[in-house]
Amino acid sequence: MSTSFTQTGREAMVRAIERFPDDQTAALKAVARATAERILARERQLLAAQTHGEGNTAAALFIEDDSDNKRFIVRFGLIKNRPANLPIWIEYGTVHQPARPFVRPAADAEKDRYRHEMESASATAAAKTFGS
């Protein structure tokens, strides 16, 4: 069975999140930030193990706080002495080199922990808010 996520559904979800009490929003944001930091660290670790350069690719990784969309994004800035497409070439491979994934494995490794920590933080904040 396939599911879809419509833009209408996303907008309703964002409106509901915007009504969360501040302490619940802060708790969820802290979990999201910590998860992004672990993903960043794991991506750097995987890149170091899979590449043999000067570390410029891993050093170009950073976390962007996209507050407008209530998310953190691990992304690349400019890579010193390397083409901007290098992370894509490493992740997916080229006709000249096999793929050496580092983005997907780093994110996948955090999926279950992220879900558990978000549920826990939400339940704790709700209990404080509603006195349960």
N, C-alpha and C. Protein backbone atom coordinates (compact mmCIF):
# COMPACT_ATOMS: atom_id res chain seq x y z
N MET A 1 0.85 -1.17 0.00
CA MET A 1 0.00 0.00 0.00
C MET A 1 0.89 1.24 0.00
N SER A 2 0.62 2.13 -0.86
CA SER A 2 1.43 3.33 -0.92
C SER A 2 0.69 4.48 -0.26
N THR A 3 1.47 5.38 0.31
CA THR A 3 0.88 6.55 0.94
C THR A 3 1.46 7.80 0.30
N SER A 4 0.76 8.89 0.46
CA SER A 4 1.29 10.14 -0.07
C SER A 4 1.13 11.22 0.98
N PHE A 5 1.87 12.26 0.81
CA PHE A 5 1.87 13.39 1.73
C PHE A 5 1.56 14.62 0.90
N THR A 6 0.37 15.12 1.01
CA THR A 6 -0.03 16.24 0.17
C THR A 6 0.43 17.56 0.77
N GLN A 7 0.53 18.55 -0.07
CA GLN A 7 0.89 19.89 0.39
C GLN A 7 -0.16 20.39 1.38
N THR A 8 -1.43 20.07 1.14
CA THR A 8 -2.49 20.47 2.06
C THR A 8 -2.25 19.85 3.43
N GLY A 9 -1.88 18.57 3.46
CA GLY A 9 -1.57 17.90 4.72
C GLY A 9 -0.39 18.53 5.42
N ARG A 10 0.61 18.90 4.65
CA ARG A 10 1.79 19.54 5.23
C ARG A 10 1.42 20.87 5.86
N GLU A 11 0.62 21.65 5.15
CA GLU A 11 0.22 22.96 5.67
C GLU A 11 -0.57 22.82 6.96
N ALA A 12 -1.46 21.84 7.03
CA ALA A 12 -2.23 21.61 8.25
C ALA A 12 -1.31 21.20 9.39
N MET A 13 -0.33 20.35 9.08
CA MET A 13 0.61 19.92 10.11
C MET A 13 1.43 21.11 10.62
N VAL A 14 1.90 21.95 9.72
CA VAL A 14 2.69 23.12 10.12
C VAL A 14 1.84 24.04 10.99
N ARG A 15 0.58 24.26 10.63
CA ARG A 15 -0.31 25.10 11.45
C ARG A 15 -0.48 24.52 12.85
N ALA A 16 -0.62 23.19 12.93
CA ALA A 16 -0.77 22.54 14.23
C ALA A 16 0.51 22.69 15.06
N ILE A 17 1.65 22.53 14.42
CA ILE A 17 2.93 22.68 15.13
C ILE A 17 3.10 24.10 15.62
N GLU A 18 2.67 25.07 14.83
CA GLU A 18 2.81 26.47 15.23
C GLU A 18 1.97 26.79 16.46
N ARG A 19 0.98 25.97 16.77
CA ARG A 19 0.16 26.18 17.96
C ARG A 19 0.73 25.48 19.20
N PHE A 20 1.80 24.69 19.03
CA PHE A 20 2.39 24.01 20.19
C PHE A 20 2.84 25.04 21.22
N PRO A 21 2.74 24.70 22.48
CA PRO A 21 3.30 25.58 23.50
C PRO A 21 4.81 25.74 23.30
N ASP A 22 5.33 26.87 23.72
CA ASP A 22 6.75 27.16 23.52
C ASP A 22 7.67 26.10 24.10
N ASP A 23 7.33 25.56 25.29
CA ASP A 23 8.22 24.56 25.89
C ASP A 23 8.24 23.27 25.08
N GLN A 24 7.13 22.91 24.48
CA GLN A 24 7.10 21.71 23.64
C GLN A 24 7.89 21.95 22.35
N THR A 25 7.72 23.12 21.76
CA THR A 25 8.48 23.45 20.56
C THR A 25 9.98 23.43 20.86
N ALA A 26 10.38 23.99 21.99
CA ALA A 26 11.80 24.01 22.36
C ALA A 26 12.33 22.60 22.57
N ALA A 27 11.55 21.74 23.19
CA ALA A 27 11.99 20.36 23.43
C ALA A 27 12.18 19.61 22.12
N LEU A 28 11.24 19.77 21.20
CA LEU A 28 11.34 19.11 19.90
C LEU A 28 12.50 19.67 19.08
N LYS A 29 12.70 20.98 19.16
CA LYS A 29 13.80 21.61 18.43
C LYS A 29 15.14 21.12 18.97
N ALA A 30 15.25 20.93 20.26
CA ALA A 30 16.50 20.43 20.85
C ALA A 30 16.81 19.02 20.34
N VAL A 31 15.80 18.19 20.23
CA VAL A 31 16.00 16.83 19.70
C VAL A 31 16.43 16.91 18.24
N ALA A 32 15.78 17.74 17.46
CA ALA A 32 16.11 17.87 16.04
C ALA A 32 17.54 18.38 15.87
N ARG A 33 17.94 19.35 16.68
CA ARG A 33 19.31 19.89 16.60
C ARG A 33 20.34 18.83 16.97
N ALA A 34 20.09 18.10 18.04
CA ALA A 34 21.03 17.05 18.47
C ALA A 34 21.14 15.96 17.40
N THR A 35 20.03 15.63 16.77
CA THR A 35 20.05 14.63 15.70
C THR A 35 20.87 15.14 14.51
N ALA A 36 20.68 16.39 14.14
CA ALA A 36 21.45 16.97 13.03
C ALA A 36 22.95 16.95 13.35
N GLU A 37 23.29 17.21 14.60
CA GLU A 37 24.71 17.19 15.00
C GLU A 37 25.29 15.78 14.90
N ARG A 38 24.51 14.77 15.28
CA ARG A 38 24.99 13.39 15.15
C ARG A 38 25.13 12.98 13.69
N ILE A 39 24.18 13.41 12.86
CA ILE A 39 24.26 13.12 11.43
C ILE A 39 25.49 13.79 10.83
N LEU A 40 25.72 15.04 11.18
CA LEU A 40 26.90 15.77 10.70
C LEU A 40 28.18 15.03 11.08
N ALA A 41 28.28 14.63 12.32
CA ALA A 41 29.48 13.92 12.79
C ALA A 41 29.67 12.60 12.05
N ARG A 42 28.58 11.87 11.84
CA ARG A 42 28.67 10.58 11.14
C ARG A 42 29.03 10.79 9.67
N GLU A 43 28.47 11.79 9.03
CA GLU A 43 28.84 12.07 7.63
C GLU A 43 30.33 12.38 7.54
N ARG A 44 30.84 13.19 8.45
CA ARG A 44 32.27 13.51 8.45
C ARG A 44 33.12 12.25 8.67
N GLN A 45 32.67 11.40 9.58
CA GLN A 45 33.39 10.15 9.85
C GLN A 45 33.41 9.26 8.60
N LEU A 46 32.27 9.11 7.95
CA LEU A 46 32.20 8.28 6.74
C LEU A 46 33.06 8.86 5.62
N LEU A 47 33.02 10.17 5.45
CA LEU A 47 33.85 10.81 4.42
C LEU A 47 35.33 10.58 4.70
N ALA A 48 35.74 10.72 5.93
CA ALA A 48 37.15 10.52 6.28
C ALA A 48 37.59 9.08 5.98
N ALA A 49 36.70 8.13 6.22
CA ALA A 49 37.03 6.73 5.98
C ALA A 49 37.05 6.39 4.49
N GLN A 50 36.28 7.13 3.69
CA GLN A 50 36.11 6.79 2.28
C GLN A 50 36.93 7.65 1.33
N THR A 51 37.51 8.73 1.82
CA THR A 51 38.29 9.61 0.96
C THR A 51 39.68 9.75 1.55
N HIS A 52 40.60 10.18 0.73
CA HIS A 52 41.99 10.27 1.19
C HIS A 52 42.60 11.62 0.84
N GLY A 53 41.81 12.64 0.97
CA GLY A 53 42.28 13.98 0.64
C GLY A 53 42.73 14.73 1.87
N GLU A 54 42.49 16.01 1.84
CA GLU A 54 42.91 16.91 2.92
C GLU A 54 41.80 17.18 3.94
N GLY A 55 40.63 16.56 3.75
CA GLY A 55 39.52 16.78 4.67
C GLY A 55 38.67 17.99 4.33
N ASN A 56 38.89 18.57 3.15
CA ASN A 56 38.15 19.77 2.77
C ASN A 56 36.67 19.50 2.55
N THR A 57 36.34 18.32 2.04
CA THR A 57 34.94 18.00 1.78
C THR A 57 34.18 17.90 3.10
N ALA A 58 34.72 17.16 4.04
CA ALA A 58 34.07 17.02 5.35
C ALA A 58 34.01 18.35 6.08
N ALA A 59 35.05 19.16 5.93
CA ALA A 59 35.09 20.47 6.61
C ALA A 59 34.03 21.43 6.07
N ALA A 60 33.57 21.18 4.85
CA ALA A 60 32.57 22.07 4.24
C ALA A 60 31.15 21.77 4.72
N LEU A 61 30.96 20.68 5.45
CA LEU A 61 29.63 20.35 5.99
C LEU A 61 29.28 21.30 7.12
N PHE A 62 28.01 21.68 7.19
CA PHE A 62 27.54 22.51 8.31
C PHE A 62 26.05 22.27 8.51
N ILE A 63 25.54 22.74 9.62
CA ILE A 63 24.11 22.61 9.93
C ILE A 63 23.45 23.96 9.71
N GLU A 64 22.41 23.96 8.90
CA GLU A 64 21.62 25.16 8.67
C GLU A 64 20.35 25.07 9.50
N ASP A 65 20.07 26.11 10.28
CA ASP A 65 18.84 26.20 11.05
C ASP A 65 17.79 26.87 10.17
N ASP A 66 16.91 26.07 9.60
CA ASP A 66 15.85 26.56 8.73
C ASP A 66 14.60 26.75 9.59
N SER A 67 14.62 27.78 10.42
CA SER A 67 13.53 28.02 11.37
C SER A 67 12.19 28.24 10.71
N ASP A 68 12.18 28.87 9.54
CA ASP A 68 10.92 29.12 8.85
C ASP A 68 10.17 27.82 8.57
N ASN A 69 10.91 26.76 8.30
CA ASN A 69 10.30 25.46 8.00
C ASN A 69 10.46 24.46 9.15
N LYS A 70 10.91 24.96 10.30
CA LYS A 70 11.04 24.15 11.52
C LYS A 70 11.86 22.89 11.27
N ARG A 71 13.09 23.10 10.77
CA ARG A 71 13.96 21.96 10.52
C ARG A 71 15.42 22.40 10.53
N PHE A 72 16.29 21.42 10.66
CA PHE A 72 17.73 21.62 10.54
C PHE A 72 18.18 20.82 9.32
N ILE A 73 19.08 21.39 8.56
CA ILE A 73 19.56 20.73 7.35
C ILE A 73 21.08 20.61 7.44
N VAL A 74 21.60 19.40 7.24
CA VAL A 74 23.03 19.21 7.13
C VAL A 74 23.36 19.39 5.66
N ARG A 75 24.19 20.37 5.36
CA ARG A 75 24.50 20.66 3.95
C ARG A 75 25.95 21.06 3.78
N PHE A 76 26.33 21.23 2.53
CA PHE A 76 27.68 21.61 2.18
C PHE A 76 27.76 23.08 1.84
N GLY A 77 28.84 23.69 2.29
CA GLY A 77 29.21 25.01 1.82
C GLY A 77 30.22 24.82 0.69
N LEU A 78 30.95 25.85 0.39
CA LEU A 78 31.99 25.75 -0.63
C LEU A 78 33.10 24.82 -0.14
N ILE A 79 33.59 24.00 -1.03
CA ILE A 79 34.65 23.05 -0.69
C ILE A 79 35.97 23.59 -1.23
N LYS A 80 36.92 23.79 -0.35
CA LYS A 80 38.22 24.33 -0.73
C LYS A 80 38.90 23.40 -1.74
N ASN A 81 39.30 23.98 -2.85
CA ASN A 81 40.07 23.28 -3.88
C ASN A 81 39.36 22.08 -4.49
N ARG A 82 38.03 22.06 -4.46
CA ARG A 82 37.28 20.92 -5.02
C ARG A 82 36.05 21.45 -5.75
N PRO A 83 35.56 20.68 -6.73
CA PRO A 83 34.34 21.09 -7.43
C PRO A 83 33.12 21.01 -6.51
N ALA A 84 32.17 21.89 -6.73
CA ALA A 84 30.97 21.93 -5.89
C ALA A 84 30.18 20.63 -5.94
N ASN A 85 30.25 19.89 -7.03
CA ASN A 85 29.48 18.65 -7.18
C ASN A 85 30.14 17.45 -6.51
N LEU A 86 31.30 17.60 -5.93
CA LEU A 86 32.02 16.46 -5.36
C LEU A 86 31.18 15.63 -4.39
N PRO A 87 30.44 16.23 -3.46
CA PRO A 87 29.63 15.40 -2.55
C PRO A 87 28.62 14.51 -3.30
N ILE A 88 28.04 15.03 -4.36
CA ILE A 88 27.09 14.24 -5.16
C ILE A 88 27.81 13.09 -5.84
N TRP A 89 29.00 13.36 -6.37
CA TRP A 89 29.78 12.31 -7.04
C TRP A 89 30.17 11.22 -6.06
N ILE A 90 30.53 11.61 -4.84
CA ILE A 90 30.91 10.61 -3.84
C ILE A 90 29.68 9.78 -3.44
N GLU A 91 28.59 10.44 -3.16
CA GLU A 91 27.37 9.76 -2.70
C GLU A 91 26.81 8.80 -3.74
N TYR A 92 26.73 9.24 -4.99
CA TYR A 92 26.06 8.45 -6.02
C TYR A 92 27.01 7.78 -7.03
N GLY A 93 28.27 8.15 -7.01
CA GLY A 93 29.23 7.59 -7.96
C GLY A 93 29.17 8.30 -9.29
N THR A 94 30.11 7.94 -10.14
CA THR A 94 30.18 8.48 -11.50
C THR A 94 30.51 7.32 -12.43
N VAL A 95 30.67 7.61 -13.69
CA VAL A 95 31.08 6.55 -14.62
C VAL A 95 32.51 6.10 -14.32
N HIS A 96 33.25 6.91 -13.57
CA HIS A 96 34.65 6.61 -13.28
C HIS A 96 34.89 6.06 -11.87
N GLN A 97 33.91 6.19 -11.00
CA GLN A 97 34.10 5.70 -9.62
C GLN A 97 32.78 5.20 -9.06
N PRO A 98 32.85 4.17 -8.24
CA PRO A 98 31.61 3.66 -7.63
C PRO A 98 31.09 4.61 -6.55
N ALA A 99 29.82 4.48 -6.24
CA ALA A 99 29.21 5.27 -5.17
C ALA A 99 29.85 4.92 -3.83
N ARG A 100 30.02 5.94 -3.01
CA ARG A 100 30.50 5.75 -1.64
C ARG A 100 29.55 6.54 -0.73
N PRO A 101 28.35 6.01 -0.53
CA PRO A 101 27.32 6.76 0.20
C PRO A 101 27.77 7.14 1.62
N PHE A 102 27.44 8.35 1.99
CA PHE A 102 27.72 8.83 3.35
C PHE A 102 26.54 9.62 3.90
N VAL A 103 25.73 10.23 3.04
CA VAL A 103 24.58 11.02 3.49
C VAL A 103 23.46 10.10 3.96
N ARG A 104 23.01 9.22 3.09
CA ARG A 104 21.90 8.32 3.43
C ARG A 104 22.25 7.43 4.63
N PRO A 105 23.42 6.79 4.66
CA PRO A 105 23.72 5.94 5.82
C PRO A 105 23.74 6.72 7.15
N ALA A 106 24.25 7.95 7.11
CA ALA A 106 24.29 8.76 8.34
C ALA A 106 22.88 9.10 8.81
N ALA A 107 22.00 9.46 7.88
CA ALA A 107 20.62 9.79 8.24
C ALA A 107 19.85 8.55 8.68
N ASP A 108 20.02 7.46 7.94
CA ASP A 108 19.31 6.22 8.28
C ASP A 108 19.68 5.71 9.67
N ALA A 109 20.93 5.90 10.05
CA ALA A 109 21.39 5.42 11.36
C ALA A 109 20.71 6.16 12.51
N GLU A 110 20.18 7.33 12.25
CA GLU A 110 19.54 8.14 13.29
C GLU A 110 18.02 8.02 13.33
N LYS A 111 17.44 7.38 12.33
CA LYS A 111 15.98 7.38 12.18
C LYS A 111 15.24 6.88 13.42
N ASP A 112 15.58 5.71 13.92
CA ASP A 112 14.86 5.14 15.07
C ASP A 112 15.10 5.95 16.35
N ARG A 113 16.34 6.36 16.56
CA ARG A 113 16.64 7.16 17.75
C ARG A 113 15.89 8.49 17.71
N TYR A 114 15.88 9.11 16.54
CA TYR A 114 15.17 10.38 16.37
C TYR A 114 13.69 10.23 16.70
N ARG A 115 13.07 9.20 16.14
CA ARG A 115 11.64 8.95 16.39
C ARG A 115 11.38 8.77 17.89
N HIS A 116 12.20 7.94 18.54
CA HIS A 116 12.03 7.67 19.96
C HIS A 116 12.21 8.95 20.79
N GLU A 117 13.28 9.71 20.50
CA GLU A 117 13.54 10.93 21.27
C GLU A 117 12.47 11.99 21.04
N MET A 118 11.94 12.09 19.83
CA MET A 118 10.86 13.05 19.55
C MET A 118 9.60 12.67 20.31
N GLU A 119 9.26 11.39 20.29
CA GLU A 119 8.09 10.93 21.03
C GLU A 119 8.25 11.20 22.52
N SER A 120 9.42 10.90 23.05
CA SER A 120 9.68 11.10 24.47
C SER A 120 9.63 12.58 24.85
N ALA A 121 10.29 13.42 24.05
CA ALA A 121 10.30 14.86 24.33
C ALA A 121 8.89 15.44 24.24
N SER A 122 8.14 14.99 23.27
CA SER A 122 6.77 15.48 23.11
C SER A 122 5.90 15.07 24.28
N ALA A 123 6.01 13.82 24.69
CA ALA A 123 5.21 13.33 25.82
C ALA A 123 5.58 14.06 27.11
N THR A 124 6.86 14.27 27.32
CA THR A 124 7.31 14.99 28.54
C THR A 124 6.81 16.42 28.55
N ALA A 125 6.95 17.10 27.42
CA ALA A 125 6.48 18.50 27.34
C ALA A 125 4.97 18.57 27.47
N ALA A 126 4.26 17.63 26.87
CA ALA A 126 2.78 17.63 26.98
C ALA A 126 2.36 17.40 28.42
N ALA A 127 3.05 16.49 29.10
CA ALA A 127 2.72 16.22 30.51
C ALA A 127 2.91 17.47 31.36
N LYS A 128 3.98 18.22 31.08
CA LYS A 128 4.23 19.47 31.82
C LYS A 128 3.15 20.50 31.50
N THR A 129 2.77 20.57 30.22
CA THR A 129 1.79 21.55 29.78
C THR A 129 0.40 21.25 30.30
N PHE A 130 0.01 19.97 30.20
CA PHE A 130 -1.36 19.60 30.53
C PHE A 130 -1.50 18.92 31.86
N GLY A 131 -0.39 18.78 32.60
CA GLY A 131 -0.43 18.24 33.94
C GLY A 131 -0.79 16.77 34.04
N SER A 132 -0.48 15.98 33.01
CA SER A 132 -0.80 14.55 33.05
C SER A 132 0.30 13.77 33.71
